[in-house]
Amino acid sequence: MKLGLFGIDSQIATILTAARRQDDRIVLACDVAIDSPYASLLDGVPLEASWEAFADARVCDAVLVGATGWNDQRAEGVRKLVQTGRTLLVSQPLSLSMLWAYEIDMICKDSGARVIPYLPDRLHPFIARLRQTIEASSANGEAQGVVETVSLERRMPDRSRDSVLQQLARDADLVRMLVGDPQRLSTLSGATPQNAWGTLAVGFTGTSHVPIRWQVMHGDDRGLRVTLAGSGASTVVDIPDNQSVLWQWPTDCSLSMPPQPVAFDRGAVMLAVLHHA
């Protein structure tokens, strides 16, 4: 597959790394800073000043869009590429503007374009197993009893407003995968602007009617801890941001055959999604 690159960040970099191990290749790049920490992934790739070449399906099969350095030129370029019906794989989130995201969604419906957000964690087998546990407990009870609540504790070293909102935009997808589309939400945080975002907690109720709580916590080891709390034992799964570290299912959980830790290459997963789009 021939890929175009429109900006780069840590998410898109994982896809470039995976592409180098396969037959996929980056044929053109635009709006990439010379001092980008990922510049070494673009050795030999032509750099263009304009994104307009990406609109030609003969140039590339799909376009990867990064969020770092987001600017008006990139926002307009994405809008135009969607209007032409191109397939885009984009960092999640590209922008915190709800109005811009709504506009892109409406254009997609008219043009038939595919905009695929970078959300690989939803495809990890542990997420499917957690959802199955929740569904089974609601139906007839699981080994740990009925799952009564789900908590997601997000460890972040940077708890500024934009960082927290960007992370919530990603983790909200896991809420959807675990308990269904949220029907209601509530928020709780510190009383002052100085600590409001660093202590943010969001409560969701989905179609499964199992309440779920997402909470920001300080932590230099970035990651997410998911806890299913039931009438019996609890199940705790740790999801590290560092993909060289395996996701861990508790070895002392009550399942007779708990899932084993598996390697999970986020870039390769999203590249596979793009191939099947």
Protein backbone atom coordinates (compact mmCIF):
# COMPACT_ATOMS: atom_id res chain seq x y z
CA MET A 1 0.00 0.00 0.00
CA LYS A 2 1.24 3.48 -0.90
CA LEU A 3 0.74 5.96 1.93
CA GLY A 4 0.85 9.73 2.12
CA LEU A 5 1.90 11.48 5.33
CA PHE A 6 0.27 14.73 6.42
CA GLY A 7 1.95 15.68 9.70
CA ILE A 8 3.40 13.23 12.21
CA ASP A 9 3.16 12.44 15.92
CA SER A 10 3.77 9.50 18.25
CA GLN A 11 0.63 7.67 17.11
CA ILE A 12 1.37 7.93 13.40
CA ALA A 13 5.02 7.05 14.07
CA THR A 14 3.96 3.58 15.26
CA ILE A 15 2.28 3.01 11.89
CA LEU A 16 5.39 4.15 9.99
CA THR A 17 7.50 1.74 12.04
CA ALA A 18 5.12 -1.12 11.26
CA ALA A 19 4.99 -0.16 7.57
CA ARG A 20 8.79 -0.41 7.30
CA ARG A 21 8.53 -4.08 8.31
CA GLN A 22 5.96 -4.79 5.61
CA ASP A 23 5.50 -4.00 1.95
CA ASP A 24 3.79 -0.68 2.65
CA ARG A 25 5.71 2.52 1.95
CA ILE A 26 5.43 6.25 2.47
CA VAL A 27 5.58 7.89 -0.95
CA LEU A 28 5.08 11.54 0.00
CA ALA A 29 5.09 13.71 3.12
CA CYS A 30 3.79 17.18 3.87
CA ASP A 31 3.74 19.51 6.89
CA VAL A 32 6.43 17.61 8.81
CA ALA A 33 8.83 19.64 10.95
CA ILE A 34 12.50 19.25 10.09
CA ASP A 35 13.33 18.77 13.77
CA SER A 36 10.62 16.18 14.36
CA PRO A 37 11.83 13.36 16.66
CA TYR A 38 10.44 10.97 14.05
CA ALA A 39 12.33 12.43 11.09
CA SER A 40 14.51 9.31 10.80
CA LEU A 41 11.41 7.34 9.77
CA LEU A 42 11.18 9.50 6.65
CA ASP A 43 14.64 8.98 5.17
CA GLY A 44 14.33 9.20 1.39
CA VAL A 45 10.67 10.30 1.44
CA PRO A 46 9.96 13.36 -0.75
CA LEU A 47 8.66 16.37 1.19
CA GLU A 48 6.03 18.59 -0.39
CA ALA A 49 4.96 22.07 0.63
CA SER A 50 1.33 21.40 -0.33
CA TRP A 51 -1.08 18.60 0.58
CA GLU A 52 -2.88 18.77 -2.80
CA ALA A 53 -1.01 15.79 -4.29
CA PHE A 54 -2.73 13.56 -1.70
CA ALA A 55 -6.04 14.15 -3.47
CA ASP A 56 -4.81 12.06 -6.44
CA ALA A 57 -5.57 8.37 -5.86
CA ARG A 58 -2.72 7.50 -8.25
CA VAL A 59 -0.22 9.05 -5.83
CA CYS A 60 -1.26 7.19 -2.68
CA ASP A 61 -3.90 4.73 -1.52
CA ALA A 62 -4.50 6.42 1.83
CA VAL A 63 -3.25 9.36 3.88
CA LEU A 64 -1.94 9.28 7.46
CA VAL A 65 -2.68 12.49 9.38
CA GLY A 66 -0.84 13.47 12.57
CA ALA A 67 -1.93 15.95 15.23
CA THR A 68 1.34 17.52 16.42
CA GLY A 69 1.68 21.01 14.97
CA TRP A 70 -2.01 21.10 14.04
CA ASN A 71 -2.71 24.26 12.06
CA ASP A 72 -5.25 25.87 9.74
CA GLN A 73 -3.50 24.51 6.62
CA ARG A 74 -3.79 20.94 7.85
CA ALA A 75 -7.38 21.42 8.98
CA GLU A 76 -8.33 22.76 5.55
CA GLY A 77 -6.35 20.02 3.81
CA VAL A 78 -8.14 17.28 5.74
CA ARG A 79 -11.48 18.91 4.93
CA LYS A 80 -10.68 18.98 1.19
CA LEU A 81 -9.35 15.40 1.17
CA VAL A 82 -12.53 14.18 2.82
CA GLN A 83 -14.55 16.05 0.22
CA THR A 84 -12.72 14.14 -2.53
CA GLY A 85 -13.57 10.82 -0.90
CA ARG A 86 -10.07 9.81 0.20
CA THR A 87 -9.32 7.29 2.94
CA LEU A 88 -7.58 8.85 5.94
CA LEU A 89 -6.15 7.30 9.10
CA VAL A 90 -5.94 10.08 11.65
CA SER A 91 -4.52 10.57 15.13
CA GLN A 92 -7.11 10.57 17.88
CA PRO A 93 -8.03 13.31 18.39
CA LEU A 94 -6.81 15.54 15.58
CA SER A 95 -8.58 18.56 17.02
CA LEU A 96 -10.55 19.35 20.17
CA SER A 97 -13.04 21.38 18.13
CA MET A 98 -16.42 19.63 18.20
CA LEU A 99 -17.64 21.89 15.38
CA TRP A 100 -14.77 20.87 13.10
CA ALA A 101 -15.26 17.17 13.90
CA TYR A 102 -19.01 17.44 13.22
CA GLU A 103 -18.29 19.12 9.89
CA ILE A 104 -15.91 16.33 8.86
CA ASP A 105 -18.51 13.72 9.84
CA MET A 106 -21.15 15.41 7.69
CA ILE A 107 -18.80 15.67 4.70
CA CYS A 108 -17.95 11.96 5.02
CA LYS A 109 -21.62 11.07 4.71
CA ASP A 110 -21.84 13.02 1.46
CA SER A 111 -18.53 12.00 -0.12
CA GLY A 112 -18.20 8.41 1.09
CA ALA A 113 -14.73 9.13 2.48
CA ARG A 114 -13.34 6.88 5.21
CA VAL A 115 -11.80 8.60 8.23
CA ILE A 116 -10.31 6.00 10.58
CA PRO A 117 -9.31 7.21 14.06
CA TYR A 118 -6.21 5.78 15.71
CA LEU A 119 -7.88 3.59 18.33
CA PRO A 120 -5.94 0.30 18.41
CA ASP A 121 -6.58 -0.63 22.06
CA ARG A 122 -10.21 -1.52 21.32
CA LEU A 123 -8.86 -4.48 19.32
CA HIS A 124 -6.72 -5.98 22.08
CA PRO A 125 -8.08 -9.42 23.10
CA PHE A 126 -8.16 -8.36 26.77
CA ILE A 127 -10.75 -5.66 25.97
CA ALA A 128 -12.96 -8.27 24.32
CA ARG A 129 -12.54 -10.55 27.35
CA LEU A 130 -13.44 -7.75 29.76
CA ARG A 131 -16.57 -6.97 27.77
CA GLN A 132 -17.53 -10.65 27.69
CA THR A 133 -17.08 -10.78 31.48
CA ILE A 134 -19.40 -7.79 31.95
CA GLU A 135 -22.03 -9.20 29.58
CA ALA A 136 -21.89 -12.69 31.11
CA SER A 137 -22.22 -11.34 34.63
CA SER A 138 -25.31 -9.39 33.65
CA ALA A 139 -26.86 -12.50 32.10
CA ASN A 140 -26.12 -15.23 34.61
CA GLY A 141 -23.22 -14.20 36.83
CA GLU A 142 -19.52 -14.90 36.34
CA ALA A 143 -16.99 -16.40 38.72
CA GLN A 144 -16.43 -13.04 40.43
CA GLY A 145 -20.19 -12.48 40.76
CA VAL A 146 -22.16 -9.71 39.12
CA VAL A 147 -20.00 -6.85 37.82
CA GLU A 148 -21.42 -3.82 39.61
CA THR A 149 -19.03 -1.04 38.59
CA VAL A 150 -16.12 -0.45 36.22
CA SER A 151 -13.35 2.05 36.93
CA LEU A 152 -10.70 3.39 34.56
CA GLU A 153 -7.77 5.10 36.30
CA ARG A 154 -5.68 7.07 33.81
CA ARG A 155 -2.08 7.80 34.85
CA MET A 156 -0.67 10.96 33.26
CA PRO A 157 2.42 13.05 34.01
CA ASP A 158 0.90 16.06 32.21
CA ARG A 159 -2.59 16.83 33.50
CA SER A 160 -3.14 20.11 31.68
CA ARG A 161 -6.53 20.86 30.12
CA ASP A 162 -5.66 19.85 26.55
CA SER A 163 -3.76 16.72 27.61
CA VAL A 164 -6.65 15.52 29.76
CA LEU A 165 -9.27 16.20 27.07
CA GLN A 166 -7.19 14.49 24.40
CA GLN A 167 -6.75 11.42 26.59
CA LEU A 168 -10.43 11.32 27.46
CA ALA A 169 -11.24 11.38 23.73
CA ARG A 170 -9.18 8.20 23.37
CA ASP A 171 -10.32 6.41 26.53
CA ALA A 172 -13.98 7.15 25.85
CA ASP A 173 -13.72 4.61 23.04
CA LEU A 174 -12.84 1.93 25.60
CA VAL A 175 -15.88 2.98 27.63
CA ARG A 176 -17.97 2.36 24.52
CA MET A 177 -16.34 -1.02 23.94
CA LEU A 178 -16.85 -2.17 27.54
CA VAL A 179 -20.36 -0.98 28.42
CA GLY A 180 -21.87 0.31 25.18
CA ASP A 181 -22.59 3.81 23.95
CA PRO A 182 -22.80 6.24 26.88
CA GLN A 183 -26.33 7.44 27.55
CA ARG A 184 -25.57 9.73 30.49
CA LEU A 185 -22.46 11.30 31.94
CA SER A 186 -21.52 13.40 34.93
CA THR A 187 -18.29 15.11 35.96
CA LEU A 188 -16.51 15.85 39.21
CA SER A 189 -13.26 17.75 39.77
CA GLY A 190 -11.39 20.13 42.05
CA ALA A 191 -13.08 23.39 42.89
CA THR A 192 -10.35 25.70 41.54
CA PRO A 193 -9.12 26.18 37.96
CA GLN A 194 -5.64 25.18 39.11
CA ASN A 195 -6.63 21.61 40.01
CA ALA A 196 -9.86 21.07 38.05
CA TRP A 197 -8.32 19.20 35.13
CA GLY A 198 -5.75 17.29 37.14
CA THR A 199 -8.47 15.75 39.29
CA LEU A 200 -11.18 15.28 36.66
CA ALA A 201 -13.51 12.30 37.05
CA VAL A 202 -16.21 11.42 34.53
CA GLY A 203 -19.04 9.02 35.20
CA PHE A 204 -20.72 7.17 32.33
CA THR A 205 -23.77 4.96 32.11
CA GLY A 206 -23.99 2.88 28.96
CA THR A 207 -26.52 0.52 27.40
CA SER A 208 -25.38 -2.26 29.74
CA HIS A 209 -26.44 -0.09 32.71
CA VAL A 210 -23.16 -0.87 34.47
CA PRO A 211 -21.80 2.46 35.78
CA ILE A 212 -18.26 3.27 34.73
CA ARG A 213 -15.94 5.92 36.17
CA TRP A 214 -12.94 7.47 34.39
CA GLN A 215 -10.46 9.23 36.68
CA VAL A 216 -7.28 11.23 36.03
CA MET A 217 -4.35 10.38 38.28
CA HIS A 218 -0.74 11.53 38.40
CA GLY A 219 1.77 8.97 37.22
CA ASP A 220 5.03 9.01 35.30
CA ASP A 221 4.40 5.45 34.05
CA ARG A 222 1.68 6.40 31.60
CA GLY A 223 -1.12 3.90 31.32
CA LEU A 224 -4.65 2.86 32.24
CA ARG A 225 -5.86 0.54 34.98
CA VAL A 226 -9.25 -1.08 34.38
CA THR A 227 -11.06 -2.58 37.36
CA LEU A 228 -14.22 -4.66 37.23
CA ALA A 229 -15.65 -4.60 40.75
CA GLY A 230 -18.22 -7.29 41.47
CA SER A 231 -20.15 -8.81 44.30
CA GLY A 232 -17.29 -11.29 44.58
CA ALA A 233 -13.66 -10.78 43.54
CA SER A 234 -12.48 -7.89 41.39
CA THR A 235 -10.58 -8.13 38.10
CA VAL A 236 -7.83 -5.58 37.46
CA VAL A 237 -6.07 -5.20 34.09
CA ASP A 238 -3.18 -2.78 33.54
CA ILE A 239 -2.79 -1.24 30.07
CA PRO A 240 0.63 0.42 29.62
CA ASP A 241 1.09 3.16 27.05
CA ASN A 242 4.56 1.75 26.36
CA GLN A 243 3.82 -0.98 23.83
CA SER A 244 7.05 -2.80 24.67
CA VAL A 245 5.41 -3.67 28.01
CA LEU A 246 2.80 -6.45 27.94
CA TRP A 247 -0.74 -5.92 29.13
CA GLN A 248 -1.23 -7.90 32.34
CA TRP A 249 -4.28 -9.95 33.27
CA PRO A 250 -4.22 -10.83 37.02
CA THR A 251 -2.79 -14.30 37.55
CA ASP A 252 -4.79 -14.71 40.75
CA CYS A 253 -8.14 -13.96 39.13
CA SER A 254 -10.93 -16.48 39.49
CA LEU A 255 -10.97 -17.55 35.83
CA SER A 256 -9.87 -21.15 35.39
CA MET A 257 -7.88 -20.19 32.28
CA PRO A 258 -6.94 -16.50 32.49
CA PRO A 259 -5.70 -14.92 29.22
CA GLN A 260 -1.93 -14.91 28.83
CA PRO A 261 0.00 -11.66 28.24
CA VAL A 262 0.47 -11.10 24.52
CA ALA A 263 2.56 -8.72 22.45
CA PHE A 264 0.45 -5.92 20.99
CA ASP A 265 1.84 -3.73 18.23
CA ARG A 266 -0.51 -0.75 17.98
CA GLY A 267 0.95 0.44 14.69
CA ALA A 268 0.64 -2.97 13.03
CA VAL A 269 -2.94 -3.28 14.29
CA MET A 270 -3.95 0.05 12.76
CA LEU A 271 -2.14 -0.76 9.54
CA ALA A 272 -4.18 -3.96 9.29
CA VAL A 273 -7.36 -1.95 9.87
CA LEU A 274 -6.33 0.38 7.04
CA HIS A 275 -5.71 -2.54 4.70
CA HIS A 276 -9.23 -3.83 5.33
CA ALA A 277 -10.93 -0.43 5.01
